[in-house]
Amino acid sequence: MRLFYAVRVPPEVAARLSEAQRDLRGNWRRVAPDQLHVTLAYLPNVHERDLDALRALGRDVARVVPPFTARLRGTGYFPNEGSPRVWFVKVDAPELDLLAQGLRDGLTARGTAFDDKPFKAHVTLARKKGPAPRVAPRTFDLEWEARNVQLVRSVLHKTGPEYDTVGTYRLAGPRQADNPDTTEPVA
């Protein structure tokens, strides 16, 4: 199975992002509004027998990170130089780094393979599938209250991926006012 841990973008914010996607021309494939998310850890090849342990990891990490405000900033490209393949919007929230680090530490401790590219909090808006012009930079003044993390199964089809949520974990850690030391990674 292909799985990933993610924080989903709520429908009202996704609707605003889909307005920006209208500027795309050429061979950009837009990510559907209901699929917009911040990937925390991507697991490209997981056996079904490991699913319960991965659900437990999501639950354990979510217990120590509080709900938080995720703020959208400006758009960018991966890679930035040359011919980009991904158009994204940056997401600002230190708690996303804590979640990603906690999940990745837990996966490493369990010996579960995952894509270990450095974590950069973003929402992918589109992927390029051939020649396509860049879109002018956009900035957003959008935010949402993130209240949970999901474990999602991704099934690839010719028309694009299909996502199936296999676990949802409520963020339940103490708020920073209750616990000023929230900068340490969690496991």
N, C-alpha and C. Protein backbone atom coordinates (compact mmCIF):
# COMPACT_ATOMS: atom_id res chain seq x y z
N MET A 1 0.84 -1.19 0.00
CA MET A 1 0.00 0.00 0.00
C MET A 1 0.88 1.24 0.00
N ARG A 2 0.35 2.30 -0.62
CA ARG A 2 0.97 3.62 -0.55
C ARG A 2 0.17 4.41 0.48
N LEU A 3 0.84 4.88 1.53
CA LEU A 3 0.18 5.61 2.60
C LEU A 3 0.88 6.93 2.85
N PHE A 4 0.17 7.86 3.47
CA PHE A 4 0.82 9.07 3.96
C PHE A 4 0.04 9.61 5.15
N TYR A 5 0.78 10.25 6.06
CA TYR A 5 0.17 10.99 7.16
C TYR A 5 0.00 12.41 6.67
N ALA A 6 -1.14 13.03 7.01
CA ALA A 6 -1.41 14.37 6.49
C ALA A 6 -2.31 15.16 7.40
N VAL A 7 -2.25 16.47 7.20
CA VAL A 7 -3.24 17.40 7.75
C VAL A 7 -4.02 17.89 6.54
N ARG A 8 -5.32 17.64 6.54
CA ARG A 8 -6.16 18.01 5.41
C ARG A 8 -6.52 19.50 5.45
N VAL A 9 -6.68 20.07 4.27
CA VAL A 9 -7.14 21.45 4.13
C VAL A 9 -8.66 21.42 4.18
N PRO A 10 -9.29 22.23 5.02
CA PRO A 10 -10.76 22.20 5.11
C PRO A 10 -11.41 22.76 3.84
N PRO A 11 -12.66 22.36 3.58
CA PRO A 11 -13.33 22.74 2.33
C PRO A 11 -13.37 24.24 2.05
N GLU A 12 -13.59 25.08 3.07
CA GLU A 12 -13.69 26.52 2.81
C GLU A 12 -12.35 27.11 2.35
N VAL A 13 -11.25 26.59 2.85
CA VAL A 13 -9.92 27.05 2.41
C VAL A 13 -9.60 26.43 1.05
N ALA A 14 -9.92 25.16 0.87
CA ALA A 14 -9.68 24.50 -0.41
C ALA A 14 -10.42 25.20 -1.54
N ALA A 15 -11.62 25.69 -1.28
CA ALA A 15 -12.37 26.41 -2.32
C ALA A 15 -11.63 27.65 -2.78
N ARG A 16 -11.02 28.35 -1.86
CA ARG A 16 -10.25 29.56 -2.20
C ARG A 16 -9.00 29.19 -3.00
N LEU A 17 -8.36 28.08 -2.64
CA LEU A 17 -7.18 27.65 -3.39
C LEU A 17 -7.54 27.20 -4.79
N SER A 18 -8.71 26.59 -4.94
CA SER A 18 -9.12 26.15 -6.27
C SER A 18 -9.35 27.35 -7.20
N GLU A 19 -9.69 28.50 -6.63
CA GLU A 19 -9.81 29.72 -7.44
C GLU A 19 -8.45 30.09 -8.04
N ALA A 20 -7.38 29.94 -7.26
CA ALA A 20 -6.04 30.24 -7.76
C ALA A 20 -5.61 29.25 -8.84
N GLN A 21 -6.09 28.02 -8.75
CA GLN A 21 -5.74 27.01 -9.74
C GLN A 21 -6.27 27.35 -11.13
N ARG A 22 -7.25 28.21 -11.21
CA ARG A 22 -7.81 28.60 -12.51
C ARG A 22 -6.79 29.31 -13.39
N ASP A 23 -5.72 29.83 -12.79
CA ASP A 23 -4.67 30.53 -13.54
C ASP A 23 -3.74 29.57 -14.27
N LEU A 24 -3.84 28.28 -13.98
CA LEU A 24 -2.94 27.30 -14.60
C LEU A 24 -3.27 27.12 -16.08
N ARG A 25 -2.21 27.00 -16.88
CA ARG A 25 -2.34 26.77 -18.32
C ARG A 25 -1.42 25.62 -18.70
N GLY A 26 -1.66 25.06 -19.85
CA GLY A 26 -0.78 24.01 -20.35
C GLY A 26 -1.04 22.68 -19.65
N ASN A 27 0.02 21.96 -19.40
CA ASN A 27 -0.07 20.59 -18.90
C ASN A 27 0.03 20.47 -17.38
N TRP A 28 -0.51 21.42 -16.66
CA TRP A 28 -0.58 21.30 -15.21
C TRP A 28 -1.80 20.46 -14.86
N ARG A 29 -1.63 19.48 -13.96
CA ARG A 29 -2.76 18.70 -13.45
C ARG A 29 -3.09 19.21 -12.06
N ARG A 30 -4.25 19.83 -11.91
CA ARG A 30 -4.69 20.40 -10.64
C ARG A 30 -4.99 19.30 -9.62
N VAL A 31 -4.69 19.58 -8.37
CA VAL A 31 -5.09 18.68 -7.29
C VAL A 31 -6.53 19.08 -6.92
N ALA A 32 -7.41 18.11 -6.87
CA ALA A 32 -8.82 18.38 -6.55
C ALA A 32 -8.93 19.01 -5.16
N PRO A 33 -9.87 19.94 -5.00
CA PRO A 33 -10.02 20.60 -3.70
C PRO A 33 -10.17 19.64 -2.52
N ASP A 34 -10.89 18.54 -2.70
CA ASP A 34 -11.10 17.60 -1.60
C ASP A 34 -9.86 16.75 -1.30
N GLN A 35 -8.80 16.91 -2.09
CA GLN A 35 -7.56 16.16 -1.88
C GLN A 35 -6.41 17.03 -1.38
N LEU A 36 -6.64 18.31 -1.19
CA LEU A 36 -5.58 19.21 -0.75
C LEU A 36 -5.19 18.89 0.70
N HIS A 37 -3.89 18.78 0.95
CA HIS A 37 -3.39 18.41 2.27
C HIS A 37 -1.92 18.79 2.42
N VAL A 38 -1.44 18.72 3.64
CA VAL A 38 -0.01 18.85 3.95
C VAL A 38 0.48 17.45 4.27
N THR A 39 1.39 16.93 3.48
CA THR A 39 1.96 15.61 3.74
C THR A 39 3.02 15.72 4.83
N LEU A 40 2.87 14.92 5.88
CA LEU A 40 3.82 14.90 6.99
C LEU A 40 4.86 13.80 6.82
N ALA A 41 4.44 12.67 6.30
CA ALA A 41 5.34 11.55 6.04
C ALA A 41 4.69 10.68 4.97
N TYR A 42 5.48 10.31 3.96
CA TYR A 42 5.00 9.49 2.84
C TYR A 42 5.64 8.11 2.93
N LEU A 43 4.79 7.08 2.90
CA LEU A 43 5.23 5.69 3.01
C LEU A 43 4.87 4.97 1.71
N PRO A 44 5.81 4.82 0.78
CA PRO A 44 5.48 4.33 -0.56
C PRO A 44 5.18 2.85 -0.66
N ASN A 45 5.59 2.05 0.33
CA ASN A 45 5.42 0.60 0.19
C ASN A 45 5.22 -0.04 1.56
N VAL A 46 3.97 -0.11 1.98
CA VAL A 46 3.63 -0.62 3.31
C VAL A 46 2.82 -1.90 3.17
N HIS A 47 3.15 -2.89 3.97
CA HIS A 47 2.38 -4.14 3.99
C HIS A 47 1.17 -3.94 4.89
N GLU A 48 0.06 -4.55 4.54
CA GLU A 48 -1.18 -4.39 5.30
C GLU A 48 -1.03 -4.82 6.76
N ARG A 49 -0.15 -5.77 7.03
CA ARG A 49 0.03 -6.24 8.42
C ARG A 49 0.58 -5.13 9.33
N ASP A 50 1.18 -4.08 8.73
CA ASP A 50 1.76 -2.97 9.51
C ASP A 50 0.76 -1.86 9.80
N LEU A 51 -0.45 -1.98 9.28
CA LEU A 51 -1.43 -0.90 9.40
C LEU A 51 -1.79 -0.58 10.85
N ASP A 52 -1.97 -1.57 11.69
CA ASP A 52 -2.33 -1.30 13.09
C ASP A 52 -1.22 -0.52 13.81
N ALA A 53 0.03 -0.88 13.55
CA ALA A 53 1.15 -0.16 14.18
C ALA A 53 1.22 1.28 13.68
N LEU A 54 0.92 1.50 12.40
CA LEU A 54 0.95 2.85 11.85
C LEU A 54 -0.21 3.69 12.38
N ARG A 55 -1.35 3.05 12.60
CA ARG A 55 -2.46 3.76 13.24
C ARG A 55 -2.09 4.15 14.67
N ALA A 56 -1.46 3.25 15.39
CA ALA A 56 -1.05 3.53 16.78
C ALA A 56 -0.04 4.68 16.81
N LEU A 57 0.88 4.70 15.86
CA LEU A 57 1.86 5.79 15.80
C LEU A 57 1.14 7.13 15.57
N GLY A 58 0.22 7.18 14.64
CA GLY A 58 -0.53 8.41 14.40
C GLY A 58 -1.25 8.88 15.64
N ARG A 59 -1.88 7.96 16.33
CA ARG A 59 -2.61 8.28 17.56
C ARG A 59 -1.65 8.79 18.65
N ASP A 60 -0.50 8.13 18.81
CA ASP A 60 0.46 8.51 19.85
C ASP A 60 1.04 9.90 19.60
N VAL A 61 1.41 10.18 18.36
CA VAL A 61 2.00 11.49 18.05
C VAL A 61 0.95 12.59 18.18
N ALA A 62 -0.25 12.34 17.73
CA ALA A 62 -1.31 13.35 17.81
C ALA A 62 -1.65 13.70 19.27
N ARG A 63 -1.47 12.78 20.17
CA ARG A 63 -1.78 13.03 21.59
C ARG A 63 -0.91 14.10 22.22
N VAL A 64 0.28 14.33 21.68
CA VAL A 64 1.20 15.27 22.33
C VAL A 64 1.30 16.61 21.62
N VAL A 65 0.66 16.75 20.46
CA VAL A 65 0.68 18.02 19.73
C VAL A 65 -0.71 18.65 19.85
N PRO A 66 -0.76 19.92 20.25
CA PRO A 66 -2.07 20.58 20.40
C PRO A 66 -2.67 20.99 19.06
N PRO A 67 -3.98 21.23 19.02
CA PRO A 67 -4.56 21.85 17.82
C PRO A 67 -3.82 23.17 17.56
N PHE A 68 -3.77 23.58 16.31
CA PHE A 68 -3.00 24.78 15.96
C PHE A 68 -3.59 25.48 14.75
N THR A 69 -3.14 26.70 14.54
CA THR A 69 -3.55 27.47 13.38
C THR A 69 -2.51 27.29 12.28
N ALA A 70 -2.96 26.84 11.12
CA ALA A 70 -2.11 26.71 9.93
C ALA A 70 -2.39 27.90 9.03
N ARG A 71 -1.35 28.62 8.64
CA ARG A 71 -1.48 29.82 7.81
C ARG A 71 -0.85 29.59 6.45
N LEU A 72 -1.58 29.94 5.40
CA LEU A 72 -1.05 29.84 4.05
C LEU A 72 -0.32 31.12 3.69
N ARG A 73 0.76 30.98 2.95
CA ARG A 73 1.59 32.12 2.56
C ARG A 73 1.64 32.22 1.03
N GLY A 74 2.83 32.24 0.48
CA GLY A 74 2.99 32.42 -0.96
C GLY A 74 3.18 31.11 -1.69
N THR A 75 3.04 31.19 -3.02
CA THR A 75 3.22 30.02 -3.85
C THR A 75 4.69 29.87 -4.24
N GLY A 76 5.04 28.68 -4.66
CA GLY A 76 6.39 28.39 -5.12
C GLY A 76 6.39 27.13 -5.97
N TYR A 77 7.59 26.71 -6.37
CA TYR A 77 7.74 25.55 -7.24
C TYR A 77 8.79 24.60 -6.69
N PHE A 78 8.58 23.30 -6.94
CA PHE A 78 9.61 22.28 -6.72
C PHE A 78 9.95 21.69 -8.07
N PRO A 79 11.17 21.56 -8.51
CA PRO A 79 12.27 22.37 -8.00
C PRO A 79 12.09 23.82 -8.47
N ASN A 80 12.67 24.72 -7.74
CA ASN A 80 12.51 26.13 -8.05
C ASN A 80 13.26 26.52 -9.32
N GLU A 81 14.41 25.92 -9.54
CA GLU A 81 15.22 26.22 -10.72
C GLU A 81 14.82 25.30 -11.87
N GLY A 82 15.07 25.74 -13.07
CA GLY A 82 14.82 24.90 -14.24
C GLY A 82 13.34 24.73 -14.51
N SER A 83 12.98 23.51 -14.83
CA SER A 83 11.59 23.20 -15.18
C SER A 83 10.88 22.60 -13.97
N PRO A 84 10.01 23.36 -13.31
CA PRO A 84 9.36 22.85 -12.10
C PRO A 84 8.36 21.74 -12.41
N ARG A 85 8.18 20.85 -11.44
CA ARG A 85 7.21 19.76 -11.58
C ARG A 85 6.01 19.93 -10.66
N VAL A 86 6.16 20.76 -9.60
CA VAL A 86 5.10 20.92 -8.61
C VAL A 86 4.90 22.41 -8.32
N TRP A 87 3.65 22.84 -8.28
CA TRP A 87 3.28 24.20 -7.86
C TRP A 87 2.61 24.06 -6.50
N PHE A 88 3.07 24.82 -5.51
CA PHE A 88 2.57 24.65 -4.15
C PHE A 88 2.37 25.99 -3.47
N VAL A 89 1.69 25.94 -2.32
CA VAL A 89 1.59 27.09 -1.43
C VAL A 89 2.19 26.69 -0.09
N LYS A 90 3.03 27.56 0.44
CA LYS A 90 3.70 27.31 1.71
C LYS A 90 2.70 27.40 2.87
N VAL A 91 2.90 26.54 3.87
CA VAL A 91 2.06 26.54 5.07
C VAL A 91 2.96 26.85 6.26
N ASP A 92 2.51 27.80 7.08
CA ASP A 92 3.28 28.23 8.24
C ASP A 92 2.59 27.77 9.52
N ALA A 93 3.25 26.88 10.25
CA ALA A 93 2.79 26.41 11.56
C ALA A 93 3.89 25.54 12.15
N PRO A 94 4.54 25.98 13.23
CA PRO A 94 5.61 25.18 13.82
C PRO A 94 5.15 23.78 14.24
N GLU A 95 3.89 23.64 14.56
CA GLU A 95 3.37 22.33 14.98
C GLU A 95 3.45 21.30 13.86
N LEU A 96 3.40 21.75 12.61
CA LEU A 96 3.56 20.81 11.49
C LEU A 96 4.94 20.17 11.53
N ASP A 97 5.96 20.96 11.87
CA ASP A 97 7.30 20.40 12.01
C ASP A 97 7.35 19.37 13.13
N LEU A 98 6.68 19.67 14.26
CA LEU A 98 6.64 18.72 15.38
C LEU A 98 5.95 17.42 14.98
N LEU A 99 4.83 17.54 14.28
CA LEU A 99 4.12 16.34 13.83
C LEU A 99 4.97 15.51 12.88
N ALA A 100 5.54 16.17 11.89
CA ALA A 100 6.36 15.46 10.90
C ALA A 100 7.54 14.77 11.59
N GLN A 101 8.21 15.49 12.48
CA GLN A 101 9.38 14.90 13.15
C GLN A 101 8.96 13.73 14.04
N GLY A 102 7.88 13.89 14.78
CA GLY A 102 7.41 12.80 15.63
C GLY A 102 7.05 11.56 14.84
N LEU A 103 6.35 11.74 13.73
CA LEU A 103 5.98 10.60 12.88
C LEU A 103 7.21 9.95 12.26
N ARG A 104 8.11 10.76 11.75
CA ARG A 104 9.32 10.22 11.12
C ARG A 104 10.21 9.51 12.13
N ASP A 105 10.33 10.07 13.34
CA ASP A 105 11.10 9.39 14.38
C ASP A 105 10.46 8.04 14.72
N GLY A 106 9.12 8.04 14.83
CA GLY A 106 8.42 6.79 15.13
C GLY A 106 8.57 5.76 14.02
N LEU A 107 8.52 6.20 12.77
CA LEU A 107 8.70 5.28 11.65
C LEU A 107 10.12 4.70 11.64
N THR A 108 11.09 5.56 11.92
CA THR A 108 12.48 5.10 11.97
C THR A 108 12.65 4.07 13.10
N ALA A 109 12.09 4.34 14.27
CA ALA A 109 12.20 3.42 15.40
C ALA A 109 11.56 2.08 15.09
N ARG A 110 10.52 2.08 14.28
CA ARG A 110 9.82 0.84 13.93
C ARG A 110 10.43 0.15 12.71
N GLY A 111 11.40 0.80 12.07
CA GLY A 111 12.03 0.22 10.88
C GLY A 111 11.14 0.29 9.66
N THR A 112 10.20 1.23 9.64
CA THR A 112 9.29 1.39 8.50
C THR A 112 9.88 2.37 7.50
N ALA A 113 10.01 1.95 6.26
CA ALA A 113 10.59 2.80 5.22
C ALA A 113 9.63 3.93 4.87
N PHE A 114 10.19 5.12 4.71
CA PHE A 114 9.40 6.28 4.29
C PHE A 114 10.28 7.19 3.45
N ASP A 115 9.67 8.08 2.71
CA ASP A 115 10.40 9.05 1.91
C ASP A 115 11.04 10.05 2.87
N ASP A 116 12.36 10.06 2.95
CA ASP A 116 13.03 10.88 3.95
C ASP A 116 13.54 12.22 3.42
N LYS A 117 12.89 12.74 2.37
CA LYS A 117 13.24 14.10 1.92
C LYS A 117 12.96 15.06 3.07
N PRO A 118 13.74 16.13 3.17
CA PRO A 118 13.49 17.11 4.25
C PRO A 118 12.05 17.61 4.20
N PHE A 119 11.46 17.75 5.38
CA PHE A 119 10.07 18.21 5.47
C PHE A 119 9.99 19.70 5.19
N LYS A 120 9.10 20.07 4.27
CA LYS A 120 8.80 21.47 3.96
C LYS A 120 7.29 21.58 3.92
N ALA A 121 6.71 22.26 4.90
CA ALA A 121 5.25 22.34 5.00
C ALA A 121 4.67 23.08 3.80
N HIS A 122 3.87 22.36 3.01
CA HIS A 122 3.27 22.95 1.82
C HIS A 122 2.03 22.15 1.43
N VAL A 123 1.21 22.78 0.61
CA VAL A 123 0.06 22.13 -0.01
C VAL A 123 0.33 22.12 -1.51
N THR A 124 0.39 20.95 -2.12
CA THR A 124 0.58 20.86 -3.56
C THR A 124 -0.72 21.27 -4.24
N LEU A 125 -0.61 22.26 -5.14
CA LEU A 125 -1.77 22.74 -5.89
C LEU A 125 -1.88 22.08 -7.26
N ALA A 126 -0.73 21.73 -7.86
CA ALA A 126 -0.74 21.12 -9.19
C ALA A 126 0.59 20.44 -9.46
N ARG A 127 0.55 19.45 -10.37
CA ARG A 127 1.75 18.77 -10.84
C ARG A 127 1.82 18.92 -12.35
N LYS A 128 3.02 19.13 -12.86
CA LYS A 128 3.19 19.34 -14.30
C LYS A 128 3.36 18.00 -15.00
N LYS A 129 2.62 17.82 -16.08
CA LYS A 129 2.66 16.58 -16.85
C LYS A 129 3.19 16.79 -18.26
N GLY A 130 3.83 17.91 -18.51
CA GLY A 130 4.37 18.24 -19.82
C GLY A 130 4.64 19.74 -19.86
N PRO A 131 4.94 20.28 -21.04
CA PRO A 131 5.23 21.71 -21.13
C PRO A 131 4.09 22.56 -20.57
N ALA A 132 4.46 23.52 -19.73
CA ALA A 132 3.45 24.39 -19.13
C ALA A 132 4.14 25.64 -18.59
N PRO A 133 3.51 26.78 -18.75
CA PRO A 133 4.12 28.01 -18.22
C PRO A 133 3.96 28.11 -16.71
N ARG A 134 4.88 28.86 -16.10
CA ARG A 134 4.77 29.16 -14.68
C ARG A 134 3.62 30.13 -14.45
N VAL A 135 3.04 30.06 -13.28
CA VAL A 135 2.00 30.99 -12.86
C VAL A 135 2.68 32.08 -12.05
N ALA A 136 2.21 33.31 -12.20
CA ALA A 136 2.77 34.41 -11.41
C ALA A 136 2.62 34.09 -9.92
N PRO A 137 3.59 34.52 -9.10
CA PRO A 137 3.49 34.26 -7.66
C PRO A 137 2.19 34.79 -7.08
N ARG A 138 1.66 34.02 -6.13
CA ARG A 138 0.43 34.40 -5.43
C ARG A 138 0.71 34.37 -3.94
N THR A 139 0.06 35.25 -3.21
CA THR A 139 0.10 35.20 -1.75
C THR A 139 -1.32 35.05 -1.25
N PHE A 140 -1.44 34.43 -0.10
CA PHE A 140 -2.75 34.18 0.49
C PHE A 140 -2.77 34.69 1.92
N ASP A 141 -3.91 35.13 2.34
CA ASP A 141 -4.14 35.50 3.74
C ASP A 141 -5.23 34.57 4.26
N LEU A 142 -4.91 33.28 4.27
CA LEU A 142 -5.86 32.25 4.67
C LEU A 142 -5.27 31.44 5.81
N GLU A 143 -6.14 30.96 6.68
CA GLU A 143 -5.70 30.09 7.77
C GLU A 143 -6.86 29.19 8.19
N TRP A 144 -6.51 28.14 8.92
CA TRP A 144 -7.52 27.26 9.48
C TRP A 144 -6.99 26.64 10.76
N GLU A 145 -7.90 26.18 11.58
CA GLU A 145 -7.55 25.50 12.83
C GLU A 145 -7.42 24.01 12.52
N ALA A 146 -6.19 23.50 12.62
CA ALA A 146 -5.93 22.07 12.40
C ALA A 146 -6.24 21.34 13.70
N ARG A 147 -7.11 20.35 13.63
CA ARG A 147 -7.54 19.63 14.82
C ARG A 147 -7.22 18.14 14.79
N ASN A 148 -6.75 17.64 13.64
CA ASN A 148 -6.42 16.22 13.59
C ASN A 148 -5.40 15.93 12.50
N VAL A 149 -4.86 14.72 12.58
CA VAL A 149 -3.94 14.17 11.59
C VAL A 149 -4.62 12.94 11.02
N GLN A 150 -4.38 12.67 9.74
CA GLN A 150 -4.97 11.49 9.13
C GLN A 150 -3.89 10.59 8.55
N LEU A 151 -4.18 9.31 8.54
CA LEU A 151 -3.40 8.33 7.80
C LEU A 151 -4.23 8.00 6.58
N VAL A 152 -3.65 8.19 5.39
CA VAL A 152 -4.42 8.10 4.15
C VAL A 152 -3.77 7.08 3.22
N ARG A 153 -4.61 6.28 2.59
CA ARG A 153 -4.15 5.34 1.57
C ARG A 153 -4.33 6.01 0.21
N SER A 154 -3.31 5.91 -0.63
CA SER A 154 -3.35 6.50 -1.97
C SER A 154 -3.32 5.38 -3.00
N VAL A 155 -4.34 5.36 -3.86
CA VAL A 155 -4.40 4.38 -4.94
C VAL A 155 -4.30 5.17 -6.24
N LEU A 156 -3.29 4.83 -7.05
CA LEU A 156 -3.08 5.57 -8.30
C LEU A 156 -3.96 5.02 -9.41
N HIS A 157 -4.55 5.95 -10.16
CA HIS A 157 -5.34 5.64 -11.35
C HIS A 157 -4.85 6.53 -12.49
N LYS A 158 -5.20 6.24 -13.71
CA LYS A 158 -4.82 7.08 -14.84
C LYS A 158 -5.36 8.49 -14.69
N THR A 159 -6.49 8.63 -14.06
CA THR A 159 -7.11 9.95 -13.88
C THR A 159 -6.56 10.69 -12.68
N GLY A 160 -5.69 10.06 -11.90
CA GLY A 160 -5.11 10.68 -10.71
C GLY A 160 -5.31 9.78 -9.50
N PRO A 161 -4.78 10.20 -8.36
CA PRO A 161 -4.88 9.35 -7.17
C PRO A 161 -6.27 9.39 -6.54
N GLU A 162 -6.60 8.30 -5.88
CA GLU A 162 -7.82 8.21 -5.07
C GLU A 162 -7.36 8.04 -3.63
N TYR A 163 -7.90 8.88 -2.73
CA TYR A 163 -7.50 8.84 -1.34
C TYR A 163 -8.59 8.23 -0.49
N ASP A 164 -8.16 7.36 0.44
CA ASP A 164 -9.06 6.70 1.37
C ASP A 164 -8.47 6.86 2.76
N THR A 165 -9.17 7.55 3.65
CA THR A 165 -8.69 7.76 5.01
C THR A 165 -8.81 6.46 5.79
N VAL A 166 -7.69 6.00 6.35
CA VAL A 166 -7.70 4.76 7.12
C VAL A 166 -7.54 5.01 8.62
N GLY A 167 -7.33 6.27 9.00
CA GLY A 167 -7.26 6.63 10.40
C GLY A 167 -7.26 8.14 10.58
N THR A 168 -7.99 8.61 11.59
CA THR A 168 -8.02 10.04 11.94
C THR A 168 -7.70 10.15 13.42
N TYR A 169 -6.75 11.04 13.76
CA TYR A 169 -6.25 11.14 15.13
C TYR A 169 -6.36 12.59 15.60
N ARG A 170 -7.10 12.78 16.67
CA ARG A 170 -7.33 14.12 17.21
C ARG A 170 -6.08 14.66 17.87
N LEU A 171 -5.71 15.89 17.52
CA LEU A 171 -4.60 16.56 18.19
C LEU A 171 -5.05 16.88 19.61
N ALA A 172 -4.31 16.43 20.60
CA ALA A 172 -4.78 16.54 21.98
C ALA A 172 -3.71 17.02 22.95
N GLY A 173 -2.59 17.50 22.46
CA GLY A 173 -1.53 17.98 23.34
C GLY A 173 -1.93 19.28 24.02
N PRO A 174 -1.20 19.65 25.06
CA PRO A 174 -1.50 20.90 25.75
C PRO A 174 -1.17 22.10 24.88
N ARG A 175 -1.99 23.13 24.98
CA ARG A 175 -1.73 24.39 24.27
C ARG A 175 -0.45 25.00 24.81
N GLN A 176 0.21 25.84 24.02
CA GLN A 176 1.48 26.42 24.43
C GLN A 176 1.36 27.20 25.74
N ALA A 177 0.24 27.86 25.98
CA ALA A 177 0.06 28.58 27.24
C ALA A 177 0.12 27.62 28.43
N ASP A 178 -0.34 26.38 28.20
CA ASP A 178 -0.31 25.36 29.25
C ASP A 178 1.07 24.72 29.38
N ASN A 179 1.81 24.67 28.27
CA ASN A 179 3.11 24.00 28.23
C ASN A 179 4.04 24.79 27.32
N PRO A 180 4.84 25.71 27.87
CA PRO A 180 5.67 26.54 27.03
C PRO A 180 6.77 25.79 26.28
N ASP A 181 7.09 24.57 26.64
CA ASP A 181 8.15 23.82 25.99
C ASP A 181 7.58 22.90 24.92
N THR A 182 7.07 23.48 23.81
CA THR A 182 6.48 22.67 22.74
C THR A 182 7.39 22.61 21.53
N THR A 183 8.64 22.99 21.67
CA THR A 183 9.54 22.98 20.53
C THR A 183 10.32 21.68 20.40
N GLU A 184 10.22 20.79 21.35
CA GLU A 184 10.95 19.53 21.29
C GLU A 184 10.22 18.54 20.37
N PRO A 185 10.95 17.78 19.54
CA PRO A 185 10.31 16.76 18.71
C PRO A 185 9.61 15.72 19.58
N VAL A 186 8.59 15.12 19.01
CA VAL A 186 7.84 14.08 19.71
C VAL A 186 8.07 12.75 19.03
N ALA A 187 7.92 11.68 19.78
CA ALA A 187 8.11 10.34 19.18
C ALA A 187 6.95 9.46 19.55
